Each structure stands twice: as C-alpha cells, then as structure tokens.
Amino acid sequence: MELKPCPFCGGKVSLTYSSANNTFNFWHTDVFSCAAKEPIEFDGDIVKSLKEASDAWNRRAEVK
C-alpha cells in the first residue's frame, strides 16, 4: 500500500497498528527533522482497517 509523504516535512512514512492502544500509527521511515510528534495516530474506533487508515492518510483537503 502506497502512502503519501508526511504533509508536514515531506518525508516517507510507514503504517503500523497497535492493538494495545487501538491506534493506526504513522512513522517516518527516513531521518527527517519534522515538527510532528511520532507516532501520528489515527483512532481505531473511527478508522477500522489498515486500508481505511492508508486511505485517510492519503486524503488531502484542497486549500482554496
């Protein structure tokens, strides 16, 4: 599954699931200096699968 880069620094990210926290976690895979604190978490009560998490991550709002 392809993930868009971090919207804050442009770095590559990976996706994991934590059953202990019921969160989908996005981590930088390259060493970047980014203002976003890791992991960037999506709530597992809202996002139900890795596919939904990757789709949500890849969605970008259009700024007008």
N, C-alpha and C. Protein backbone atom coordinates (compact mmCIF):
# COMPACT_ATOMS: atom_id res chain seq x y z
N MET A 1 0.85 -1.17 0.00
CA MET A 1 0.00 0.00 0.00
C MET A 1 0.89 1.23 0.00
N GLU A 2 0.60 2.10 -0.93
CA GLU A 2 1.39 3.32 -1.11
C GLU A 2 0.85 4.43 -0.21
N LEU A 3 1.76 5.11 0.48
CA LEU A 3 1.37 6.22 1.35
C LEU A 3 1.99 7.52 0.83
N LYS A 4 1.20 8.57 0.85
CA LYS A 4 1.74 9.88 0.51
C LYS A 4 2.75 10.27 1.59
N PRO A 5 3.69 11.15 1.27
CA PRO A 5 4.66 11.58 2.27
C PRO A 5 4.01 12.40 3.38
N CYS A 6 4.76 12.59 4.44
CA CYS A 6 4.30 13.40 5.56
C CYS A 6 3.89 14.79 5.06
N PRO A 7 2.70 15.26 5.43
CA PRO A 7 2.26 16.58 4.96
C PRO A 7 3.01 17.73 5.62
N PHE A 8 3.79 17.43 6.64
CA PHE A 8 4.49 18.49 7.36
C PHE A 8 5.93 18.67 6.88
N CYS A 9 6.63 17.55 6.62
CA CYS A 9 8.04 17.66 6.23
C CYS A 9 8.33 17.04 4.87
N GLY A 10 7.39 16.26 4.33
CA GLY A 10 7.60 15.63 3.04
C GLY A 10 8.34 14.31 3.11
N GLY A 11 8.66 13.83 4.32
CA GLY A 11 9.38 12.57 4.48
C GLY A 11 8.50 11.35 4.24
N LYS A 12 9.15 10.23 3.95
CA LYS A 12 8.44 8.96 3.76
C LYS A 12 7.92 8.46 5.10
N VAL A 13 6.76 7.80 5.06
CA VAL A 13 6.16 7.26 6.27
C VAL A 13 5.78 5.79 6.09
N SER A 14 5.64 5.10 7.21
CA SER A 14 5.13 3.74 7.22
C SER A 14 3.94 3.69 8.17
N LEU A 15 3.16 2.62 8.08
CA LEU A 15 1.94 2.47 8.86
C LEU A 15 1.99 1.18 9.66
N THR A 16 1.66 1.27 10.96
CA THR A 16 1.54 0.10 11.82
C THR A 16 0.24 0.20 12.59
N TYR A 17 -0.16 -0.93 13.19
CA TYR A 17 -1.35 -0.96 14.05
C TYR A 17 -0.93 -1.38 15.44
N SER A 18 -1.44 -0.70 16.46
CA SER A 18 -1.19 -1.06 17.86
C SER A 18 -2.49 -1.56 18.47
N SER A 19 -2.57 -2.86 18.73
CA SER A 19 -3.77 -3.40 19.36
C SER A 19 -3.87 -2.97 20.82
N ALA A 20 -2.74 -2.71 21.46
CA ALA A 20 -2.76 -2.26 22.86
C ALA A 20 -3.44 -0.90 23.00
N ASN A 21 -3.24 -0.03 22.01
CA ASN A 21 -3.81 1.32 22.05
C ASN A 21 -4.98 1.50 21.09
N ASN A 22 -5.24 0.48 20.26
CA ASN A 22 -6.25 0.56 19.20
C ASN A 22 -6.04 1.80 18.34
N THR A 23 -4.80 1.95 17.86
CA THR A 23 -4.46 3.07 17.00
C THR A 23 -3.69 2.59 15.78
N PHE A 24 -3.88 3.30 14.68
CA PHE A 24 -3.07 3.12 13.49
C PHE A 24 -2.02 4.21 13.54
N ASN A 25 -0.74 3.82 13.46
CA ASN A 25 0.36 4.73 13.72
C ASN A 25 1.20 4.96 12.46
N PHE A 26 1.46 6.23 12.20
CA PHE A 26 2.30 6.61 11.07
C PHE A 26 3.65 7.06 11.61
N TRP A 27 4.72 6.49 11.04
CA TRP A 27 6.09 6.74 11.46
C TRP A 27 6.91 7.21 10.27
N HIS A 28 7.84 8.11 10.51
CA HIS A 28 8.78 8.49 9.46
C HIS A 28 9.75 7.33 9.24
N THR A 29 10.02 7.01 7.98
CA THR A 29 10.96 5.93 7.67
C THR A 29 12.35 6.47 7.36
N ASP A 30 12.44 7.74 7.04
CA ASP A 30 13.72 8.39 6.81
C ASP A 30 13.99 9.30 8.00
N VAL A 31 15.23 9.64 8.18
CA VAL A 31 15.58 10.56 9.25
C VAL A 31 15.33 11.98 8.76
N PHE A 32 14.28 12.57 9.27
CA PHE A 32 13.91 13.94 8.91
C PHE A 32 13.70 14.72 10.19
N SER A 33 13.90 16.00 10.10
CA SER A 33 13.57 16.87 11.20
C SER A 33 12.15 17.36 10.94
N CYS A 34 11.19 16.83 11.70
CA CYS A 34 9.79 17.14 11.47
C CYS A 34 9.17 17.65 12.76
N ALA A 35 8.28 18.61 12.63
CA ALA A 35 7.61 19.17 13.79
C ALA A 35 6.53 18.24 14.35
N ALA A 36 6.10 17.25 13.56
CA ALA A 36 5.06 16.32 14.01
C ALA A 36 5.68 15.31 14.97
N LYS A 37 5.01 15.09 16.08
CA LYS A 37 5.46 14.12 17.07
C LYS A 37 5.02 12.73 16.64
N GLU A 38 5.91 11.76 16.75
CA GLU A 38 5.60 10.39 16.36
C GLU A 38 5.17 9.56 17.55
N PRO A 39 4.33 8.57 17.31
CA PRO A 39 3.67 8.34 16.04
C PRO A 39 2.50 9.30 15.85
N ILE A 40 2.18 9.55 14.59
CA ILE A 40 0.94 10.26 14.27
C ILE A 40 -0.14 9.19 14.32
N GLU A 41 -1.13 9.35 15.19
CA GLU A 41 -2.09 8.28 15.47
C GLU A 41 -3.48 8.57 14.90
N PHE A 42 -4.08 7.53 14.34
CA PHE A 42 -5.49 7.57 13.93
C PHE A 42 -6.24 6.62 14.85
N ASP A 43 -7.36 7.05 15.36
CA ASP A 43 -8.17 6.29 16.31
C ASP A 43 -8.79 5.06 15.65
N GLY A 44 -8.56 3.89 16.24
CA GLY A 44 -9.10 2.63 15.73
C GLY A 44 -10.60 2.49 15.88
N ASP A 45 -11.22 3.34 16.68
CA ASP A 45 -12.68 3.33 16.77
C ASP A 45 -13.31 4.04 15.57
N ILE A 46 -12.54 4.88 14.91
CA ILE A 46 -13.02 5.62 13.75
C ILE A 46 -12.53 4.97 12.46
N VAL A 47 -11.23 4.67 12.40
CA VAL A 47 -10.62 4.01 11.25
C VAL A 47 -10.52 2.53 11.60
N LYS A 48 -11.12 1.66 10.78
CA LYS A 48 -11.30 0.25 11.16
C LYS A 48 -10.29 -0.73 10.57
N SER A 49 -9.46 -0.31 9.62
CA SER A 49 -8.53 -1.25 8.99
C SER A 49 -7.31 -0.50 8.46
N LEU A 50 -6.27 -1.27 8.11
CA LEU A 50 -5.08 -0.66 7.52
C LEU A 50 -5.44 0.05 6.21
N LYS A 51 -6.34 -0.53 5.44
CA LYS A 51 -6.79 0.09 4.18
C LYS A 51 -7.47 1.43 4.46
N GLU A 52 -8.39 1.46 5.44
CA GLU A 52 -9.06 2.72 5.78
C GLU A 52 -8.05 3.74 6.29
N ALA A 53 -7.09 3.30 7.09
CA ALA A 53 -6.07 4.21 7.62
C ALA A 53 -5.22 4.80 6.50
N SER A 54 -4.80 3.94 5.56
CA SER A 54 -3.98 4.46 4.46
C SER A 54 -4.80 5.39 3.56
N ASP A 55 -6.07 5.06 3.33
CA ASP A 55 -6.93 5.95 2.53
C ASP A 55 -7.10 7.29 3.23
N ALA A 56 -7.31 7.27 4.55
CA ALA A 56 -7.47 8.51 5.32
C ALA A 56 -6.19 9.33 5.28
N TRP A 57 -5.04 8.66 5.40
CA TRP A 57 -3.75 9.36 5.36
C TRP A 57 -3.54 10.02 3.99
N ASN A 58 -3.89 9.30 2.95
CA ASN A 58 -3.65 9.80 1.60
C ASN A 58 -4.63 10.88 1.15
N ARG A 59 -5.73 11.01 1.89
CA ARG A 59 -6.69 12.06 1.56
C ARG A 59 -6.08 13.41 1.95
N ARG A 60 -6.19 14.38 1.08
CA ARG A 60 -5.68 15.72 1.38
C ARG A 60 -6.79 16.71 1.03
N ALA A 61 -7.06 17.58 1.96
CA ALA A 61 -8.07 18.62 1.70
C ALA A 61 -7.48 19.63 0.72
N GLU A 62 -8.29 20.09 -0.19
CA GLU A 62 -7.84 21.13 -1.12
C GLU A 62 -7.93 22.48 -0.42
N VAL A 63 -6.85 23.20 -0.46
CA VAL A 63 -6.81 24.53 0.13
C VAL A 63 -7.14 25.53 -0.96
N LYS A 64 -8.12 26.36 -0.69
CA LYS A 64 -8.54 27.34 -1.71
C LYS A 64 -8.18 28.73 -1.29
